[in-house]
Amino acid sequence: MRRYLAAAVALVVIAALAVRAFLRRREAVAHIHKLDDQTVTDAGGAIRSIQSADVTLPPDELERLWSPMYLERLARTYWRFLTLVTLGVIRVKYTERERFVCLLFRPFVLLAFQAPEYEMNANRGIVRWRIERGVLVSARGRGGNGYLEIDVERLPDARPGVARVHVEVEVANFYPAIAHSISRWVYENTQSRIHVIVTHGFLRSLARLDLAPSKVGRFGPIGALPEPAREREPVSR
């Protein structure tokens, strides 16, 4: 157990230092507020983890960004951030039908996702990847039942010259292999904690509005995408 604890502390510290170093690289354009984390485990062992923040920026900048193309670029930015803060140890490989989060190379697939699903209207945009398989997910969580999604919603702001959006990164119905094969404690103090640190770092990085180039080119109008199909569900603690 002492070795697990030492490894957990080392991994968390490395992740925190990498995120801090990356965030110092560019000047902020927008501002990040109300950074939050809600992570719960249900009775069956499924994880639901939501990291969120409000982003304020000039209204004309938000209007420029509010399109399917930039929703896709936001999704790409999330994967780019994961690779950068892990110094290239974690890499994302793209195919037409799947996304692979790999430890250096494709054979070492930590998580494989189905192709992204996009939903968008004038006030809300969602990109969702369903979890297909991978060494970090137990057999119960494979086959698309769990998912990772980024949910962006425009919110009113009474201040002149200020636009506000609420951004959530959610992992839902995820069954971690570490919790199943080793222990829930080890999962919570390694993979789960690193996920929160990295995701909070990603949310903070949005202050720079430095979005990655598109990989696929989903450049159609908002009306070409499905409407967001559901409201946000509250997290039951």
Protein backbone atom coordinates (compact mmCIF):
# COMPACT_ATOMS: atom_id res chain seq x y z
CA MET A 1 0.00 0.00 0.00
CA ARG A 2 2.88 2.41 0.70
CA ARG A 3 4.17 1.90 -2.81
CA TYR A 4 0.71 2.65 -4.24
CA LEU A 5 0.55 5.80 -2.14
CA ALA A 6 4.00 6.96 -3.27
CA ALA A 7 3.13 6.30 -6.92
CA ALA A 8 -0.20 8.11 -6.56
CA VAL A 9 1.43 11.19 -5.01
CA ALA A 10 4.15 11.26 -7.68
CA LEU A 11 1.67 11.03 -10.55
CA VAL A 12 -0.56 13.74 -9.13
CA VAL A 13 2.40 16.09 -8.51
CA ILE A 14 3.76 15.54 -12.04
CA ALA A 15 0.35 16.25 -13.56
CA ALA A 16 -0.10 19.41 -11.50
CA LEU A 17 3.36 20.75 -12.42
CA ALA A 18 2.86 20.01 -16.11
CA VAL A 19 -0.50 21.81 -16.17
CA ARG A 20 0.96 24.83 -14.35
CA ALA A 21 3.88 25.08 -16.77
CA PHE A 22 1.60 24.90 -19.79
CA LEU A 23 -0.79 27.57 -18.50
CA ARG A 24 2.05 30.08 -18.18
CA ARG A 25 2.79 29.98 -21.90
CA ARG A 26 0.25 32.44 -23.34
CA GLU A 27 -1.58 35.62 -22.41
CA ALA A 28 -5.26 35.36 -21.44
CA VAL A 29 -7.92 36.75 -23.77
CA ALA A 30 -10.98 35.53 -21.83
CA HIS A 31 -11.47 35.00 -18.09
CA ILE A 32 -12.26 31.80 -16.18
CA HIS A 33 -14.61 31.80 -13.18
CA LYS A 34 -16.30 29.31 -10.84
CA LEU A 35 -14.05 26.34 -11.49
CA ASP A 36 -15.79 23.32 -9.97
CA ASP A 37 -15.56 19.53 -9.64
CA GLN A 38 -18.32 17.03 -8.91
CA THR A 39 -17.30 13.36 -8.89
CA VAL A 40 -19.52 10.60 -7.56
CA THR A 41 -19.68 6.80 -7.67
CA ASP A 42 -23.03 5.03 -7.70
CA ALA A 43 -23.86 1.79 -5.90
CA GLY A 44 -22.91 -0.26 -8.94
CA GLY A 45 -19.44 1.27 -9.25
CA ALA A 46 -20.14 3.64 -12.17
CA ILE A 47 -18.28 6.95 -12.06
CA ARG A 48 -19.82 10.30 -12.99
CA SER A 49 -17.30 13.13 -12.98
CA ILE A 50 -18.00 16.73 -14.06
CA GLN A 51 -15.48 19.56 -14.14
CA SER A 52 -16.93 22.94 -15.05
CA ALA A 53 -16.19 26.64 -15.35
CA ASP A 54 -17.70 29.89 -16.59
CA VAL A 55 -15.82 31.70 -19.34
CA THR A 56 -16.36 35.43 -19.94
CA LEU A 57 -15.20 37.09 -23.13
CA PRO A 58 -16.15 39.95 -25.47
CA PRO A 59 -19.54 39.39 -27.17
CA ASP A 60 -18.13 39.75 -30.69
CA GLU A 61 -15.51 37.09 -29.90
CA LEU A 62 -18.21 34.68 -28.74
CA GLU A 63 -20.26 35.32 -31.88
CA ARG A 64 -17.22 34.52 -33.99
CA LEU A 65 -16.63 31.26 -32.14
CA TRP A 66 -20.24 30.02 -31.96
CA SER A 67 -20.32 27.57 -34.89
CA PRO A 68 -19.94 23.82 -35.54
CA MET A 69 -16.41 24.43 -36.79
CA TYR A 70 -15.33 25.93 -33.48
CA LEU A 71 -17.19 23.27 -31.51
CA GLU A 72 -15.08 20.71 -33.33
CA ARG A 73 -11.95 22.78 -32.70
CA LEU A 74 -12.80 22.95 -28.98
CA ALA A 75 -13.01 19.15 -28.95
CA ARG A 76 -9.67 18.88 -30.72
CA THR A 77 -8.18 21.35 -28.20
CA TYR A 78 -9.11 19.02 -25.35
CA TRP A 79 -7.13 16.14 -26.89
CA ARG A 80 -4.22 18.42 -27.78
CA PHE A 81 -4.06 19.67 -24.19
CA LEU A 82 -3.93 16.09 -22.90
CA THR A 83 -0.94 15.34 -25.12
CA LEU A 84 0.90 18.58 -24.29
CA VAL A 85 0.63 18.38 -20.51
CA THR A 86 1.74 14.73 -20.50
CA LEU A 87 4.79 15.73 -22.60
CA GLY A 88 3.65 13.47 -25.42
CA VAL A 89 3.41 10.32 -23.29
CA ILE A 90 -0.35 10.25 -23.89
CA ARG A 91 -1.27 10.61 -27.57
CA VAL A 92 -4.56 10.63 -29.43
CA LYS A 93 -4.92 8.78 -32.73
CA TYR A 94 -7.76 9.52 -35.12
CA THR A 95 -9.64 7.35 -37.59
CA GLU A 96 -12.98 7.99 -39.31
CA ARG A 97 -14.81 5.77 -36.82
CA GLU A 98 -12.80 5.92 -33.57
CA ARG A 99 -10.50 7.96 -31.36
CA PHE A 100 -7.70 6.18 -29.47
CA VAL A 101 -6.04 7.54 -26.34
CA CYS A 102 -2.70 5.74 -26.35
CA LEU A 103 0.34 5.37 -24.17
CA LEU A 104 2.87 6.52 -26.78
CA PHE A 105 1.76 4.19 -29.58
CA ARG A 106 -1.43 2.68 -31.01
CA PRO A 107 -1.05 -0.88 -29.64
CA PHE A 108 -1.12 0.53 -26.08
CA VAL A 109 -4.70 1.83 -26.10
CA LEU A 110 -5.78 3.24 -22.75
CA LEU A 111 -9.24 4.24 -23.98
CA ALA A 112 -10.94 3.88 -27.34
CA PHE A 113 -13.93 6.06 -28.19
CA GLN A 114 -16.50 5.92 -30.94
CA ALA A 115 -16.55 8.80 -33.43
CA PRO A 116 -17.79 12.05 -31.88
CA GLU A 117 -21.44 13.05 -31.88
CA TYR A 118 -22.26 16.74 -32.26
CA GLU A 119 -25.38 18.61 -31.15
CA MET A 120 -25.81 22.38 -31.38
CA ASN A 121 -28.29 25.22 -31.46
CA ALA A 122 -28.14 28.98 -30.86
CA ASN A 123 -27.53 28.56 -27.12
CA ARG A 124 -25.86 25.20 -26.51
CA GLY A 125 -23.28 22.94 -28.10
CA ILE A 126 -22.32 19.36 -27.16
CA VAL A 127 -19.65 17.02 -28.45
CA ARG A 128 -19.79 13.47 -27.09
CA TRP A 129 -17.49 10.45 -27.42
CA ARG A 130 -18.91 7.08 -26.36
CA ILE A 131 -16.43 4.79 -24.59
CA GLU A 132 -15.85 1.64 -26.63
CA ARG A 133 -13.01 -0.20 -24.84
CA GLY A 134 -9.47 0.14 -23.46
CA VAL A 135 -7.28 -1.05 -20.59
CA LEU A 136 -8.56 1.71 -18.28
CA VAL A 137 -12.20 0.61 -18.54
CA SER A 138 -13.57 -2.64 -17.12
CA ALA A 139 -15.57 -5.05 -19.28
CA ARG A 140 -18.84 -3.75 -17.82
CA GLY A 141 -18.19 -0.25 -19.15
CA ARG A 142 -17.36 -1.16 -22.75
CA GLY A 143 -19.47 -1.00 -25.88
CA GLY A 144 -20.59 2.63 -25.81
CA ASN A 145 -22.56 2.70 -22.55
CA GLY A 146 -20.30 5.29 -20.93
CA TYR A 147 -19.19 8.54 -22.51
CA LEU A 148 -17.03 11.64 -22.35
CA GLU A 149 -18.59 14.92 -23.44
CA ILE A 150 -17.94 18.66 -23.57
CA ASP A 151 -21.07 20.77 -23.06
CA VAL A 152 -21.00 24.53 -23.73
CA GLU A 153 -23.97 26.77 -22.93
CA ARG A 154 -24.45 30.51 -23.43
CA LEU A 155 -25.62 32.29 -20.29
CA PRO A 156 -26.99 35.81 -19.82
CA ASP A 157 -24.73 38.45 -18.30
CA ALA A 158 -26.01 41.89 -17.32
CA ARG A 159 -22.64 43.57 -17.64
CA PRO A 160 -22.15 45.58 -20.83
CA GLY A 161 -19.51 44.27 -23.17
CA VAL A 162 -19.38 40.84 -21.48
CA ALA A 163 -20.56 37.49 -22.85
CA ARG A 164 -20.57 34.36 -20.70
CA VAL A 165 -20.58 30.64 -21.42
CA HIS A 166 -20.67 27.69 -19.04
CA VAL A 167 -18.40 24.79 -20.01
CA GLU A 168 -18.67 21.28 -18.58
CA VAL A 169 -16.44 18.28 -19.23
CA GLU A 170 -18.32 15.18 -18.12
CA VAL A 171 -17.43 11.50 -17.87
CA ALA A 172 -20.54 9.42 -17.19
CA ASN A 173 -21.32 5.74 -16.64
CA PHE A 174 -17.59 4.96 -16.56
CA TYR A 175 -16.44 1.72 -14.90
CA PRO A 176 -12.70 2.06 -14.18
CA ALA A 177 -10.62 -1.08 -14.48
CA ILE A 178 -8.30 0.08 -11.68
CA ALA A 179 -11.17 0.28 -9.19
CA HIS A 180 -12.40 -3.16 -10.25
CA SER A 181 -9.06 -5.00 -10.38
CA ILE A 182 -7.09 -3.24 -7.62
CA SER A 183 -9.19 -0.95 -5.42
CA ARG A 184 -11.40 2.10 -5.54
CA TRP A 185 -8.92 3.96 -3.30
CA VAL A 186 -6.10 3.50 -5.80
CA TYR A 187 -8.35 4.69 -8.65
CA GLU A 188 -9.48 7.79 -6.71
CA ASN A 189 -5.90 8.76 -5.86
CA THR A 190 -4.36 8.14 -9.28
CA GLN A 191 -6.48 8.12 -12.45
CA SER A 192 -9.40 10.08 -11.01
CA ARG A 193 -7.26 12.78 -9.41
CA ILE A 194 -5.09 13.18 -12.50
CA HIS A 195 -8.23 13.47 -14.66
CA VAL A 196 -9.54 16.32 -12.47
CA ILE A 197 -6.20 18.17 -12.50
CA VAL A 198 -5.81 17.88 -16.27
CA THR A 199 -9.44 18.81 -16.99
CA HIS A 200 -9.28 21.85 -14.73
CA GLY A 201 -6.08 22.79 -16.55
CA PHE A 202 -7.89 22.46 -19.88
CA LEU A 203 -10.70 24.72 -18.65
CA ARG A 204 -8.19 27.32 -17.46
CA SER A 205 -6.41 27.12 -20.81
CA LEU A 206 -9.58 28.33 -22.56
CA ALA A 207 -8.72 31.82 -21.31
CA ARG A 208 -6.26 32.02 -24.21
CA LEU A 209 -8.90 31.05 -26.83
CA ASP A 210 -6.11 29.15 -28.59
CA LEU A 211 -8.18 26.46 -30.29
CA ALA A 212 -6.53 23.61 -32.17
CA PRO A 213 -7.04 23.25 -35.93
CA SER A 214 -9.80 20.91 -37.02
CA LYS A 215 -8.91 17.32 -37.88
CA VAL A 216 -12.14 16.44 -39.68
CA GLY A 217 -13.61 19.70 -40.96
CA ARG A 218 -17.20 19.77 -39.72
CA PHE A 219 -17.90 23.24 -41.12
CA GLY A 220 -21.66 23.18 -41.81
CA PRO A 221 -24.16 25.63 -40.34
CA ILE A 222 -25.60 25.20 -36.84
CA GLY A 223 -28.92 24.08 -38.30
CA ALA A 224 -27.22 21.08 -39.90
CA LEU A 225 -26.54 19.54 -36.46
CA PRO A 226 -29.12 17.88 -34.21
CA GLU A 227 -30.58 19.93 -31.36
CA PRO A 228 -29.13 19.16 -27.90
CA ALA A 229 -31.34 16.27 -26.87
CA ARG A 230 -31.48 16.66 -23.10
CA GLU A 231 -31.08 19.03 -20.22
CA ARG A 232 -28.17 18.70 -17.84
CA GLU A 233 -28.86 16.17 -15.11
CA PRO A 234 -27.99 17.22 -11.55
CA VAL A 235 -25.29 15.24 -9.77
CA SER A 236 -26.72 13.26 -6.86
CA ARG A 237 -24.20 12.98 -4.06
